[in-house]
Each structure stands twice: as C-alpha cells, then as structure tokens.
Amino acid sequence: MKRDPNRSLKVLAALLAATVSQTTALEAHPMIPGITGYPALMLHPLLLTHQALALAAAALLIGQSPGLSRWRTLIAFAACLALGSLVQGAIPNLFKYYWIAATALTASAAALAALFFPVPPRLALPAIAVLGFLVGLDTHGEAPGLWSKAMSVSAAIVTGSILLLLAGFIGSYHLPRPLRLLARVMAAWIAAATIMILAFVFRG
C-alpha cells in the first residue's frame, strides 16, 4: 500500500482540532490579550524566551536530519517533556536554576544544527529528547490540580509536535542550497543568542 507523505500532518491536524474543541473552557492567564483557554496554553512555550529557543533548536535539528524518524522523534520528545514536568512537580527545588542548563544545552543543540548537514540521527534524537525534558521542567499548571498540569503539558507537547512535524516535513525535501544555508544561519544565531544570555548571567 502506498504511503501518504502527508499522513503525519493530517494526524496532527485532527488531534489538534479534537483537543482544542474539548478544552475551550480551560482558563489560562492571557499573555496575549483576547487569547485564553487551550490556545493560550499552546502559545505559552513560544512566549518564554528559553522555551522558545529550545523548541526552535529542536525544530532545526529535525529539519537538518532528514534520516531521522519523525514519529520516533515525536514520541521521544513528548515522553521526555512529560517526564520533565513530573520531575519538576516531584522535586520543585532541584532545578531552581535549571534555565542556565537549559540555555547551555540549547546553545549546544543549535550549534550542532549549524555545524552539520545532515545532522546524524544518533546525535539529533537524544538532543531533541533532552530539549523536550528541559521544556517540561518549566511547564506548570495554570491552577492547582492534576488536570490543569496535564493540560499545560499536553499543550506544550502539541505546540512542540507541530513545530517538529513542520520542520521535519520541510526538511524531508531536497531544498535549494540557499535555504539549507539559511537554516544553518538561524541555528548559529540561536547558539550565539543563548551564549550571550549565559555570558550576561555569569557576568552579573
């Protein structure tokens, strides 16, 4: 049977539509005026600098690694993000300064995407999994209770999965050399930005 090349995008679109339709009553603090509920939870990781940079680095890694299995990567990312959230809830003070580690590892992952094409899957997959874990460490519920925490985690997973699928889908095509170069420049910019953040932190 012929495989549908767009199957992953169709499945994710259906999952996203079903999830949003069932969670419109959720409350989330509106980081963007007028956007509340589950869509606000989905936007949350994109509006926090360290999480947004981590997700961007993960997307660039999967885009720069055409041989990497998209579904295996999504499963590893989602599982590690959920695990990070569980660790953060069980030992809240263990990663008090976790964002320093998150920033350093984001810089390393972005540098990997900038330096290599293609990025070897044996390097890209664990790097994406670790970035998912770090995003999970800073994923909190909007209200007390397990349900709120679960919705925040699921929203972060959906947002990250959309980025990873889109980047993987685009990266699976033979893109012109200028576009490949642009992706590596973006990865280098993320690495430089995160290193600069760390430099300011340690300088202060």
N, C-alpha and C. Protein backbone atom coordinates (compact mmCIF):
# COMPACT_ATOMS: atom_id res chain seq x y z
N MET A 1 0.84 -1.20 0.00
CA MET A 1 0.00 0.00 0.00
C MET A 1 0.87 1.25 0.00
N LYS A 2 0.53 2.20 -0.85
CA LYS A 2 1.33 3.41 -0.98
C LYS A 2 1.16 4.29 0.26
N ARG A 3 2.29 4.76 0.76
CA ARG A 3 2.27 5.59 1.98
C ARG A 3 1.94 7.03 1.63
N ASP A 4 1.04 7.60 2.40
CA ASP A 4 0.67 9.00 2.20
C ASP A 4 1.75 9.89 2.80
N PRO A 5 2.46 10.70 2.00
CA PRO A 5 3.53 11.53 2.55
C PRO A 5 3.04 12.60 3.52
N ASN A 6 1.76 12.92 3.47
CA ASN A 6 1.20 13.96 4.34
C ASN A 6 0.49 13.38 5.56
N ARG A 7 0.64 12.08 5.78
CA ARG A 7 -0.11 11.43 6.85
C ARG A 7 0.17 12.06 8.21
N SER A 8 1.43 12.35 8.50
CA SER A 8 1.78 12.90 9.81
C SER A 8 1.12 14.25 10.04
N LEU A 9 1.06 15.08 8.99
CA LEU A 9 0.43 16.39 9.14
C LEU A 9 -1.08 16.25 9.33
N LYS A 10 -1.70 15.30 8.62
CA LYS A 10 -3.15 15.10 8.76
C LYS A 10 -3.50 14.59 10.16
N VAL A 11 -2.71 13.67 10.67
CA VAL A 11 -2.97 13.13 12.00
C VAL A 11 -2.84 14.22 13.06
N LEU A 12 -1.78 15.03 12.94
CA LEU A 12 -1.58 16.09 13.92
C LEU A 12 -2.69 17.13 13.85
N ALA A 13 -3.13 17.47 12.65
CA ALA A 13 -4.21 18.45 12.50
C ALA A 13 -5.50 17.94 13.14
N ALA A 14 -5.80 16.65 12.93
CA ALA A 14 -7.00 16.07 13.53
C ALA A 14 -6.89 16.04 15.05
N LEU A 15 -5.71 15.68 15.56
CA LEU A 15 -5.50 15.64 17.01
C LEU A 15 -5.64 17.01 17.62
N LEU A 16 -5.06 17.99 16.97
CA LEU A 16 -5.13 19.37 17.47
C LEU A 16 -6.57 19.87 17.49
N ALA A 17 -7.31 19.62 16.43
CA ALA A 17 -8.70 20.07 16.37
C ALA A 17 -9.54 19.42 17.45
N ALA A 18 -9.33 18.12 17.68
CA ALA A 18 -10.11 17.41 18.70
C ALA A 18 -9.76 17.91 20.09
N THR A 19 -8.47 18.14 20.32
CA THR A 19 -8.04 18.60 21.65
C THR A 19 -8.57 19.97 21.97
N VAL A 20 -8.44 20.89 21.03
CA VAL A 20 -8.90 22.26 21.27
C VAL A 20 -10.40 22.30 21.48
N SER A 21 -11.14 21.50 20.71
CA SER A 21 -12.60 21.52 20.82
C SER A 21 -13.07 21.02 22.18
N GLN A 22 -12.26 20.18 22.84
CA GLN A 22 -12.66 19.63 24.13
C GLN A 22 -12.15 20.46 25.30
N THR A 23 -11.36 21.50 25.04
CA THR A 23 -10.74 22.22 26.15
C THR A 23 -10.96 23.72 26.07
N THR A 24 -11.99 24.15 25.41
CA THR A 24 -12.23 25.58 25.26
C THR A 24 -12.61 26.25 26.58
N ALA A 25 -13.01 25.46 27.55
CA ALA A 25 -13.41 26.05 28.83
C ALA A 25 -12.25 26.26 29.78
N LEU A 26 -11.06 25.82 29.39
CA LEU A 26 -9.90 25.97 30.27
C LEU A 26 -9.56 27.44 30.47
N GLU A 27 -9.10 27.78 31.65
CA GLU A 27 -8.65 29.13 31.93
C GLU A 27 -7.13 29.16 31.88
N ALA A 28 -6.58 30.17 31.27
CA ALA A 28 -5.14 30.38 31.25
C ALA A 28 -4.89 31.87 31.24
N HIS A 29 -3.85 32.32 31.97
CA HIS A 29 -3.63 33.76 32.02
C HIS A 29 -3.29 34.24 30.61
N PRO A 30 -3.97 35.28 30.14
CA PRO A 30 -3.81 35.71 28.75
C PRO A 30 -2.52 36.49 28.54
N MET A 31 -1.46 35.83 28.04
CA MET A 31 -0.21 36.51 27.74
C MET A 31 -0.38 37.39 26.50
N ILE A 32 -1.36 37.03 25.66
CA ILE A 32 -1.75 37.88 24.53
C ILE A 32 -3.21 38.24 24.75
N PRO A 33 -3.56 39.52 24.83
CA PRO A 33 -4.94 39.91 25.11
C PRO A 33 -5.92 39.25 24.13
N GLY A 34 -6.99 38.69 24.68
CA GLY A 34 -8.01 38.09 23.84
C GLY A 34 -7.83 36.62 23.59
N ILE A 35 -6.67 36.06 23.93
CA ILE A 35 -6.42 34.64 23.72
C ILE A 35 -6.38 33.95 25.08
N THR A 36 -7.33 33.07 25.31
CA THR A 36 -7.42 32.36 26.58
C THR A 36 -7.63 30.88 26.32
N GLY A 37 -7.79 30.11 27.40
CA GLY A 37 -8.07 28.69 27.27
C GLY A 37 -6.89 27.91 26.70
N TYR A 38 -7.20 26.84 25.99
CA TYR A 38 -6.16 25.95 25.48
C TYR A 38 -5.23 26.64 24.48
N PRO A 39 -5.73 27.49 23.58
CA PRO A 39 -4.81 28.21 22.68
C PRO A 39 -3.76 29.03 23.44
N ALA A 40 -4.15 29.62 24.58
CA ALA A 40 -3.18 30.37 25.38
C ALA A 40 -2.13 29.43 25.96
N LEU A 41 -2.55 28.25 26.38
CA LEU A 41 -1.59 27.27 26.89
C LEU A 41 -0.62 26.85 25.79
N MET A 42 -1.11 26.72 24.57
CA MET A 42 -0.25 26.33 23.45
C MET A 42 0.76 27.42 23.11
N LEU A 43 0.35 28.67 23.26
CA LEU A 43 1.26 29.77 22.95
C LEU A 43 2.30 30.00 24.03
N HIS A 44 2.02 29.51 25.23
CA HIS A 44 2.88 29.79 26.38
C HIS A 44 4.35 29.46 26.12
N PRO A 45 4.69 28.26 25.59
CA PRO A 45 6.10 27.96 25.38
C PRO A 45 6.78 28.87 24.35
N LEU A 46 6.00 29.45 23.46
CA LEU A 46 6.56 30.31 22.43
C LEU A 46 6.82 31.73 22.93
N LEU A 47 6.25 32.06 24.10
CA LEU A 47 6.37 33.42 24.63
C LEU A 47 7.38 33.50 25.77
N LEU A 48 7.96 32.37 26.14
CA LEU A 48 9.04 32.34 27.13
C LEU A 48 10.35 32.12 26.37
N THR A 49 11.28 33.03 26.52
CA THR A 49 12.47 33.04 25.68
C THR A 49 13.22 31.71 25.68
N HIS A 50 13.49 31.16 26.87
CA HIS A 50 14.29 29.94 26.94
C HIS A 50 13.55 28.75 26.33
N GLN A 51 12.23 28.69 26.52
CA GLN A 51 11.48 27.59 25.93
C GLN A 51 11.37 27.76 24.42
N ALA A 52 11.15 28.98 23.96
CA ALA A 52 11.04 29.22 22.52
C ALA A 52 12.35 28.88 21.81
N LEU A 53 13.47 29.26 22.40
CA LEU A 53 14.76 28.94 21.79
C LEU A 53 15.01 27.44 21.78
N ALA A 54 14.62 26.75 22.85
CA ALA A 54 14.79 25.30 22.90
C ALA A 54 13.95 24.61 21.82
N LEU A 55 12.71 25.05 21.65
CA LEU A 55 11.84 24.46 20.62
C LEU A 55 12.37 24.77 19.22
N ALA A 56 12.89 25.99 19.03
CA ALA A 56 13.44 26.35 17.72
C ALA A 56 14.67 25.50 17.40
N ALA A 57 15.52 25.27 18.41
CA ALA A 57 16.70 24.43 18.20
C ALA A 57 16.28 23.00 17.86
N ALA A 58 15.27 22.49 18.55
CA ALA A 58 14.78 21.13 18.27
C ALA A 58 14.23 21.03 16.85
N ALA A 59 13.47 22.06 16.43
CA ALA A 59 12.91 22.06 15.07
C ALA A 59 14.01 22.10 14.02
N LEU A 60 15.05 22.91 14.26
CA LEU A 60 16.16 22.99 13.31
C LEU A 60 16.91 21.67 13.25
N LEU A 61 17.03 20.99 14.38
CA LEU A 61 17.73 19.70 14.39
C LEU A 61 17.01 18.66 13.55
N ILE A 62 15.68 18.55 13.72
CA ILE A 62 14.95 17.56 12.94
C ILE A 62 14.92 17.95 11.46
N GLY A 63 14.89 19.24 11.18
CA GLY A 63 14.92 19.69 9.80
C GLY A 63 16.26 19.44 9.13
N GLN A 64 17.33 19.45 9.92
CA GLN A 64 18.68 19.23 9.40
C GLN A 64 19.09 17.76 9.43
N SER A 65 18.16 16.89 9.85
CA SER A 65 18.44 15.46 9.93
C SER A 65 17.38 14.68 9.17
N PRO A 66 17.45 14.67 7.82
CA PRO A 66 16.40 14.03 7.02
C PRO A 66 16.22 12.55 7.30
N GLY A 67 17.27 11.87 7.78
CA GLY A 67 17.16 10.44 8.04
C GLY A 67 16.51 10.09 9.36
N LEU A 68 16.15 11.10 10.14
CA LEU A 68 15.57 10.88 11.46
C LEU A 68 14.09 10.54 11.35
N SER A 69 13.66 9.49 12.03
CA SER A 69 12.24 9.11 12.03
C SER A 69 11.41 10.17 12.76
N ARG A 70 10.42 10.72 12.05
CA ARG A 70 9.60 11.78 12.67
C ARG A 70 8.79 11.26 13.84
N TRP A 71 8.18 10.09 13.67
CA TRP A 71 7.33 9.57 14.74
C TRP A 71 8.14 9.16 15.95
N ARG A 72 9.31 8.55 15.74
CA ARG A 72 10.16 8.19 16.86
C ARG A 72 10.61 9.45 17.61
N THR A 73 10.90 10.49 16.84
CA THR A 73 11.32 11.75 17.45
C THR A 73 10.20 12.38 18.26
N LEU A 74 8.97 12.37 17.72
CA LEU A 74 7.83 12.95 18.44
C LEU A 74 7.56 12.20 19.73
N ILE A 75 7.64 10.88 19.68
CA ILE A 75 7.40 10.07 20.88
C ILE A 75 8.46 10.39 21.94
N ALA A 76 9.73 10.45 21.52
CA ALA A 76 10.81 10.75 22.47
C ALA A 76 10.64 12.15 23.05
N PHE A 77 10.30 13.12 22.20
CA PHE A 77 10.11 14.50 22.66
C PHE A 77 8.96 14.58 23.66
N ALA A 78 7.81 14.00 23.32
CA ALA A 78 6.64 14.06 24.20
C ALA A 78 6.89 13.36 25.52
N ALA A 79 7.52 12.16 25.46
CA ALA A 79 7.77 11.41 26.69
C ALA A 79 8.73 12.16 27.60
N CYS A 80 9.77 12.75 27.03
CA CYS A 80 10.75 13.47 27.85
C CYS A 80 10.17 14.77 28.40
N LEU A 81 9.31 15.45 27.62
CA LEU A 81 8.66 16.66 28.13
C LEU A 81 7.78 16.32 29.32
N ALA A 82 6.98 15.24 29.19
CA ALA A 82 6.12 14.82 30.30
C ALA A 82 6.96 14.41 31.51
N LEU A 83 8.08 13.71 31.27
CA LEU A 83 8.96 13.30 32.36
C LEU A 83 9.54 14.53 33.07
N GLY A 84 9.96 15.53 32.29
CA GLY A 84 10.48 16.75 32.90
C GLY A 84 9.46 17.44 33.78
N SER A 85 8.21 17.45 33.34
CA SER A 85 7.15 18.06 34.14
C SER A 85 6.92 17.29 35.44
N LEU A 86 7.00 15.96 35.36
CA LEU A 86 6.83 15.14 36.56
C LEU A 86 7.97 15.37 37.54
N VAL A 87 9.19 15.46 37.03
CA VAL A 87 10.35 15.69 37.90
C VAL A 87 10.24 17.05 38.58
N GLN A 88 9.83 18.05 37.79
CA GLN A 88 9.66 19.40 38.35
C GLN A 88 8.61 19.42 39.44
N GLY A 89 7.53 18.65 39.26
CA GLY A 89 6.48 18.61 40.28
C GLY A 89 6.90 17.83 41.51
N ALA A 90 7.71 16.78 41.33
CA ALA A 90 8.12 15.95 42.46
C ALA A 90 9.23 16.60 43.28
N ILE A 91 10.16 17.28 42.59
CA ILE A 91 11.29 17.91 43.28
C ILE A 91 11.41 19.34 42.78
N PRO A 92 10.51 20.22 43.20
CA PRO A 92 10.44 21.57 42.63
C PRO A 92 11.70 22.41 42.79
N ASN A 93 12.48 22.16 43.85
CA ASN A 93 13.66 22.99 44.10
C ASN A 93 14.95 22.42 43.51
N LEU A 94 14.87 21.21 42.94
CA LEU A 94 16.07 20.57 42.42
C LEU A 94 16.63 21.35 41.23
N PHE A 95 15.74 21.90 40.42
CA PHE A 95 16.18 22.61 39.22
C PHE A 95 15.87 24.10 39.34
N LYS A 96 16.22 24.65 40.51
CA LYS A 96 15.94 26.06 40.76
C LYS A 96 16.57 26.95 39.69
N TYR A 97 17.77 26.58 39.27
CA TYR A 97 18.48 27.35 38.24
C TYR A 97 18.59 26.53 36.95
N TYR A 98 17.56 25.73 36.72
CA TYR A 98 17.61 24.82 35.57
C TYR A 98 17.77 25.57 34.25
N TRP A 99 17.22 26.79 34.19
CA TRP A 99 17.22 27.51 32.92
C TRP A 99 18.63 27.81 32.44
N ILE A 100 19.61 27.84 33.36
CA ILE A 100 21.00 28.00 32.94
C ILE A 100 21.43 26.76 32.15
N ALA A 101 21.10 25.59 32.69
CA ALA A 101 21.40 24.35 31.97
C ALA A 101 20.63 24.29 30.66
N ALA A 102 19.37 24.73 30.71
CA ALA A 102 18.54 24.71 29.50
C ALA A 102 19.15 25.60 28.42
N THR A 103 19.61 26.79 28.82
CA THR A 103 20.21 27.71 27.86
C THR A 103 21.49 27.15 27.29
N ALA A 104 22.33 26.54 28.15
CA ALA A 104 23.60 25.97 27.67
C ALA A 104 23.35 24.81 26.71
N LEU A 105 22.39 23.95 27.03
CA LEU A 105 22.11 22.81 26.16
C LEU A 105 21.44 23.26 24.87
N THR A 106 20.62 24.31 24.94
CA THR A 106 20.04 24.86 23.72
C THR A 106 21.12 25.39 22.80
N ALA A 107 22.10 26.07 23.38
CA ALA A 107 23.23 26.57 22.58
C ALA A 107 23.97 25.42 21.92
N SER A 108 24.18 24.33 22.65
CA SER A 108 24.88 23.17 22.10
C SER A 108 24.09 22.52 20.97
N ALA A 109 22.77 22.39 21.17
CA ALA A 109 21.93 21.78 20.14
C ALA A 109 21.88 22.65 18.88
N ALA A 110 21.77 23.96 19.07
CA ALA A 110 21.74 24.86 17.93
C ALA A 110 23.08 24.84 17.18
N ALA A 111 24.18 24.77 17.93
CA ALA A 111 25.50 24.69 17.30
C ALA A 111 25.62 23.42 16.48
N LEU A 112 25.04 22.34 16.97
CA LEU A 112 25.05 21.06 16.24
C LEU A 112 24.34 21.21 14.90
N ALA A 113 23.16 21.89 14.92
CA ALA A 113 22.41 22.10 13.69
C ALA A 113 23.12 23.05 12.74
N ALA A 114 23.91 23.97 13.30
CA ALA A 114 24.62 24.94 12.47
C ALA A 114 25.86 24.33 11.80
N LEU A 115 26.51 23.41 12.51
CA LEU A 115 27.79 22.89 12.04
C LEU A 115 27.66 21.72 11.07
N PHE A 116 26.58 20.96 11.19
CA PHE A 116 26.49 19.74 10.41
C PHE A 116 25.25 19.72 9.51
N PHE A 117 25.43 19.22 8.30
CA PHE A 117 24.29 18.83 7.46
C PHE A 117 24.74 17.65 6.59
N PRO A 118 24.01 16.53 6.70
CA PRO A 118 22.92 16.33 7.66
C PRO A 118 23.45 16.07 9.07
N VAL A 119 22.62 16.39 10.05
CA VAL A 119 22.96 16.06 11.44
C VAL A 119 22.71 14.57 11.64
N PRO A 120 23.69 13.82 12.11
CA PRO A 120 23.48 12.38 12.32
C PRO A 120 22.30 12.12 13.25
N PRO A 121 21.39 11.21 12.87
CA PRO A 121 20.24 10.92 13.74
C PRO A 121 20.63 10.49 15.15
N ARG A 122 21.77 9.81 15.29
CA ARG A 122 22.20 9.36 16.63
C ARG A 122 22.54 10.53 17.54
N LEU A 123 22.79 11.70 16.96
CA LEU A 123 23.03 12.90 17.74
C LEU A 123 21.77 13.75 17.86
N ALA A 124 21.00 13.83 16.77
CA ALA A 124 19.81 14.69 16.76
C ALA A 124 18.73 14.18 17.70
N LEU A 125 18.48 12.86 17.70
CA LEU A 125 17.38 12.32 18.52
C LEU A 125 17.59 12.56 20.01
N PRO A 126 18.75 12.20 20.59
CA PRO A 126 18.91 12.48 22.03
C PRO A 126 18.92 13.97 22.35
N ALA A 127 19.43 14.80 21.43
CA ALA A 127 19.43 16.24 21.68
C ALA A 127 18.01 16.77 21.74
N ILE A 128 17.14 16.34 20.84
CA ILE A 128 15.74 16.77 20.83
C ILE A 128 15.03 16.27 22.09
N ALA A 129 15.33 15.03 22.50
CA ALA A 129 14.71 14.47 23.70
C ALA A 129 15.10 15.29 24.93
N VAL A 130 16.38 15.66 25.03
CA VAL A 130 16.84 16.45 26.18
C VAL A 130 16.18 17.84 26.18
N LEU A 131 16.05 18.44 25.00
CA LEU A 131 15.38 19.74 24.92
C LEU A 131 13.92 19.62 25.36
N GLY A 132 13.25 18.54 24.99
CA GLY A 132 11.89 18.31 25.46
C GLY A 132 11.82 18.20 26.98
N PHE A 133 12.78 17.49 27.56
CA PHE A 133 12.84 17.34 29.01
C PHE A 133 12.99 18.70 29.69
N LEU A 134 13.84 19.55 29.12
CA LEU A 134 14.08 20.87 29.71
C LEU A 134 12.85 21.77 29.60
N VAL A 135 12.13 21.67 28.48
CA VAL A 135 10.88 22.42 28.36
C VAL A 135 9.87 21.94 29.41
N GLY A 136 9.83 20.63 29.63
CA GLY A 136 8.91 20.07 30.62
C GLY A 136 9.21 20.52 32.03
N LEU A 137 10.49 20.77 32.32
CA LEU A 137 10.85 21.22 33.66
C LEU A 137 10.24 22.57 34.01
N ASP A 138 9.90 23.35 33.00
CA ASP A 138 9.32 24.67 33.25
C ASP A 138 7.88 24.75 32.76
N THR A 139 7.20 23.61 32.70
CA THR A 139 5.80 23.59 32.30
C THR A 139 4.94 23.39 33.54
N HIS A 140 4.19 24.41 33.90
CA HIS A 140 3.40 24.41 35.13
C HIS A 140 1.91 24.48 34.79
N GLY A 141 1.09 24.00 35.72
CA GLY A 141 -0.34 24.15 35.58
C GLY A 141 -0.77 25.59 35.83
N GLU A 142 -1.84 26.01 35.18
CA GLU A 142 -2.34 27.37 35.39
C GLU A 142 -3.13 27.50 36.67
N ALA A 143 -3.48 26.38 37.28
CA ALA A 143 -4.23 26.37 38.53
C ALA A 143 -3.83 25.12 39.29
N PRO A 144 -4.08 25.08 40.60
CA PRO A 144 -3.76 23.87 41.37
C PRO A 144 -4.52 22.67 40.82
N GLY A 145 -3.92 21.51 40.92
CA GLY A 145 -4.61 20.31 40.50
C GLY A 145 -3.94 19.61 39.32
N LEU A 146 -4.16 18.30 39.26
CA LEU A 146 -3.54 17.47 38.24
C LEU A 146 -4.06 17.78 36.84
N TRP A 147 -5.37 18.09 36.74
CA TRP A 147 -5.97 18.34 35.43
C TRP A 147 -5.34 19.55 34.76
N SER A 148 -5.16 20.62 35.51
CA SER A 148 -4.55 21.83 34.96
C SER A 148 -3.12 21.55 34.50
N LYS A 149 -2.37 20.80 35.30
CA LYS A 149 -1.00 20.46 34.94
C LYS A 149 -0.98 19.60 33.67
N ALA A 150 -1.90 18.63 33.59
CA ALA A 150 -1.95 17.75 32.42
C ALA A 150 -2.26 18.54 31.16
N MET A 151 -3.16 19.53 31.26
CA MET A 151 -3.50 20.33 30.09
C MET A 151 -2.33 21.20 29.64
N SER A 152 -1.59 21.74 30.60
CA SER A 152 -0.41 22.54 30.25
C SER A 152 0.64 21.69 29.56
N VAL A 153 0.85 20.49 30.08
CA VAL A 153 1.83 19.57 29.48
C VAL A 153 1.38 19.16 28.08
N SER A 154 0.10 18.81 27.93
CA SER A 154 -0.39 18.39 26.62
C SER A 154 -0.30 19.53 25.61
N ALA A 155 -0.56 20.77 26.06
CA ALA A 155 -0.47 21.91 25.16
C ALA A 155 0.97 22.14 24.70
N ALA A 156 1.92 22.01 25.63
CA ALA A 156 3.33 22.16 25.26
C ALA A 156 3.75 21.07 24.29
N ILE A 157 3.25 19.85 24.50
CA ILE A 157 3.57 18.75 23.59
C ILE A 157 3.00 19.00 22.20
N VAL A 158 1.75 19.48 22.15
CA VAL A 158 1.13 19.76 20.85
C VAL A 158 1.89 20.86 20.11
N THR A 159 2.24 21.93 20.82
CA THR A 159 3.00 23.02 20.20
C THR A 159 4.34 22.53 19.68
N GLY A 160 5.07 21.81 20.53
CA GLY A 160 6.36 21.28 20.10
C GLY A 160 6.22 20.31 18.95
N SER A 161 5.18 19.47 18.98
CA SER A 161 4.98 18.49 17.91
C SER A 161 4.68 19.17 16.58
N ILE A 162 3.89 20.23 16.63
CA ILE A 162 3.59 20.97 15.39
C ILE A 162 4.89 21.50 14.78
N LEU A 163 5.73 22.11 15.61
CA LEU A 163 6.99 22.66 15.11
C LEU A 163 7.89 21.56 14.56
N LEU A 164 7.99 20.44 15.28
CA LEU A 164 8.85 19.35 14.84
C LEU A 164 8.35 18.72 13.55
N LEU A 165 7.04 18.52 13.46
CA LEU A 165 6.47 17.91 12.25
C LEU A 165 6.66 18.82 11.04
N LEU A 166 6.40 20.10 11.22
CA LEU A 166 6.56 21.03 10.10
C LEU A 166 8.01 21.10 9.66
N ALA A 167 8.93 21.19 10.63
CA ALA A 167 10.35 21.25 10.28
C ALA A 167 10.81 19.96 9.63
N GLY A 168 10.34 18.82 10.17
CA GLY A 168 10.71 17.54 9.58
C GLY A 168 10.13 17.37 8.19
N PHE A 169 8.89 17.84 8.00
CA PHE A 169 8.23 17.75 6.70
C PHE A 169 8.99 18.58 5.66
N ILE A 170 9.35 19.80 6.04
CA ILE A 170 10.10 20.67 5.12
C ILE A 170 11.50 20.10 4.86
N GLY A 171 12.13 19.62 5.92
CA GLY A 171 13.49 19.09 5.78
C GLY A 171 13.57 17.82 4.97
N SER A 172 12.44 17.12 4.81
CA SER A 172 12.45 15.86 4.05
C SER A 172 12.58 16.09 2.55
N TYR A 173 12.38 17.33 2.11
CA TYR A 173 12.50 17.66 0.69
C TYR A 173 13.92 18.13 0.38
N HIS A 174 14.29 17.99 -0.88
CA HIS A 174 15.60 18.45 -1.32
C HIS A 174 15.52 19.96 -1.54
N LEU A 175 15.76 20.71 -0.49
CA LEU A 175 15.65 22.16 -0.56
C LEU A 175 16.87 22.76 -1.25
N PRO A 176 16.68 23.91 -1.89
CA PRO A 176 17.82 24.59 -2.52
C PRO A 176 18.89 24.91 -1.48
N ARG A 177 20.12 24.96 -1.93
CA ARG A 177 21.25 25.23 -1.03
C ARG A 177 21.07 26.52 -0.23
N PRO A 178 20.55 27.62 -0.82
CA PRO A 178 20.38 28.84 -0.03
C PRO A 178 19.46 28.65 1.18
N LEU A 179 18.41 27.83 1.03
CA LEU A 179 17.51 27.59 2.16
C LEU A 179 18.18 26.75 3.24
N ARG A 180 18.98 25.77 2.82
CA ARG A 180 19.73 24.98 3.78
C ARG A 180 20.71 25.88 4.54
N LEU A 181 21.33 26.77 3.81
CA LEU A 181 22.27 27.71 4.43
C LEU A 181 21.55 28.63 5.40
N LEU A 182 20.34 29.07 5.03
CA LEU A 182 19.56 29.94 5.91
C LEU A 182 19.23 29.22 7.22
N ALA A 183 18.88 27.94 7.14
CA ALA A 183 18.58 27.17 8.35
C ALA A 183 19.80 27.10 9.26
N ARG A 184 20.96 26.91 8.67
CA ARG A 184 22.18 26.83 9.47
C ARG A 184 22.54 28.19 10.08
N VAL A 185 22.25 29.26 9.34
CA VAL A 185 22.47 30.60 9.88
C VAL A 185 21.54 30.85 11.06
N MET A 186 20.28 30.43 10.94
CA MET A 186 19.34 30.58 12.05
C MET A 186 19.81 29.80 13.27
N ALA A 187 20.31 28.59 13.05
CA ALA A 187 20.81 27.78 14.16
C ALA A 187 22.01 28.46 14.81
N ALA A 188 22.88 29.04 13.99
CA ALA A 188 24.05 29.74 14.54
C ALA A 188 23.61 30.97 15.34
N TRP A 189 22.56 31.65 14.87
CA TRP A 189 22.05 32.81 15.59
C TRP A 189 21.50 32.40 16.95
N ILE A 190 20.76 31.28 17.01
CA ILE A 190 20.23 30.81 18.28
C ILE A 190 21.36 30.45 19.23
N ALA A 191 22.39 29.77 18.70
CA ALA A 191 23.54 29.41 19.54
C ALA A 191 24.21 30.67 20.09
N ALA A 192 24.40 31.67 19.23
CA ALA A 192 25.04 32.91 19.67
C ALA A 192 24.20 33.65 20.70
N ALA A 193 22.87 33.69 20.47
CA ALA A 193 21.97 34.40 21.40
C ALA A 193 21.97 33.74 22.77
N THR A 194 21.94 32.41 22.80
CA THR A 194 21.92 31.71 24.09
C THR A 194 23.26 31.84 24.82
N ILE A 195 24.35 31.82 24.07
CA ILE A 195 25.66 32.02 24.70
C ILE A 195 25.75 33.43 25.28
N MET A 196 25.20 34.41 24.57
CA MET A 196 25.21 35.78 25.06
C MET A 196 24.40 35.90 26.36
N ILE A 197 23.26 35.22 26.40
CA ILE A 197 22.44 35.23 27.62
C ILE A 197 23.25 34.68 28.79
N LEU A 198 23.93 33.54 28.57
CA LEU A 198 24.74 32.95 29.63
C LEU A 198 25.87 33.89 30.06
N ALA A 199 26.47 34.56 29.09
CA ALA A 199 27.57 35.47 29.41
C ALA A 199 27.09 36.60 30.32
N PHE A 200 25.91 37.15 30.04
CA PHE A 200 25.36 38.23 30.87
C PHE A 200 25.03 37.71 32.27
N VAL A 201 24.52 36.47 32.34
CA VAL A 201 24.17 35.90 33.64
C VAL A 201 25.41 35.74 34.51
N PHE A 202 26.45 35.13 33.96
CA PHE A 202 27.65 34.86 34.76
C PHE A 202 28.44 36.14 35.03
N ARG A 203 28.32 37.11 34.15
CA ARG A 203 28.99 38.38 34.37
C ARG A 203 28.37 39.11 35.55
N GLY A 204 27.00 38.98 35.67
CA GLY A 204 26.31 39.66 36.76
C GLY A 204 26.50 38.95 38.07
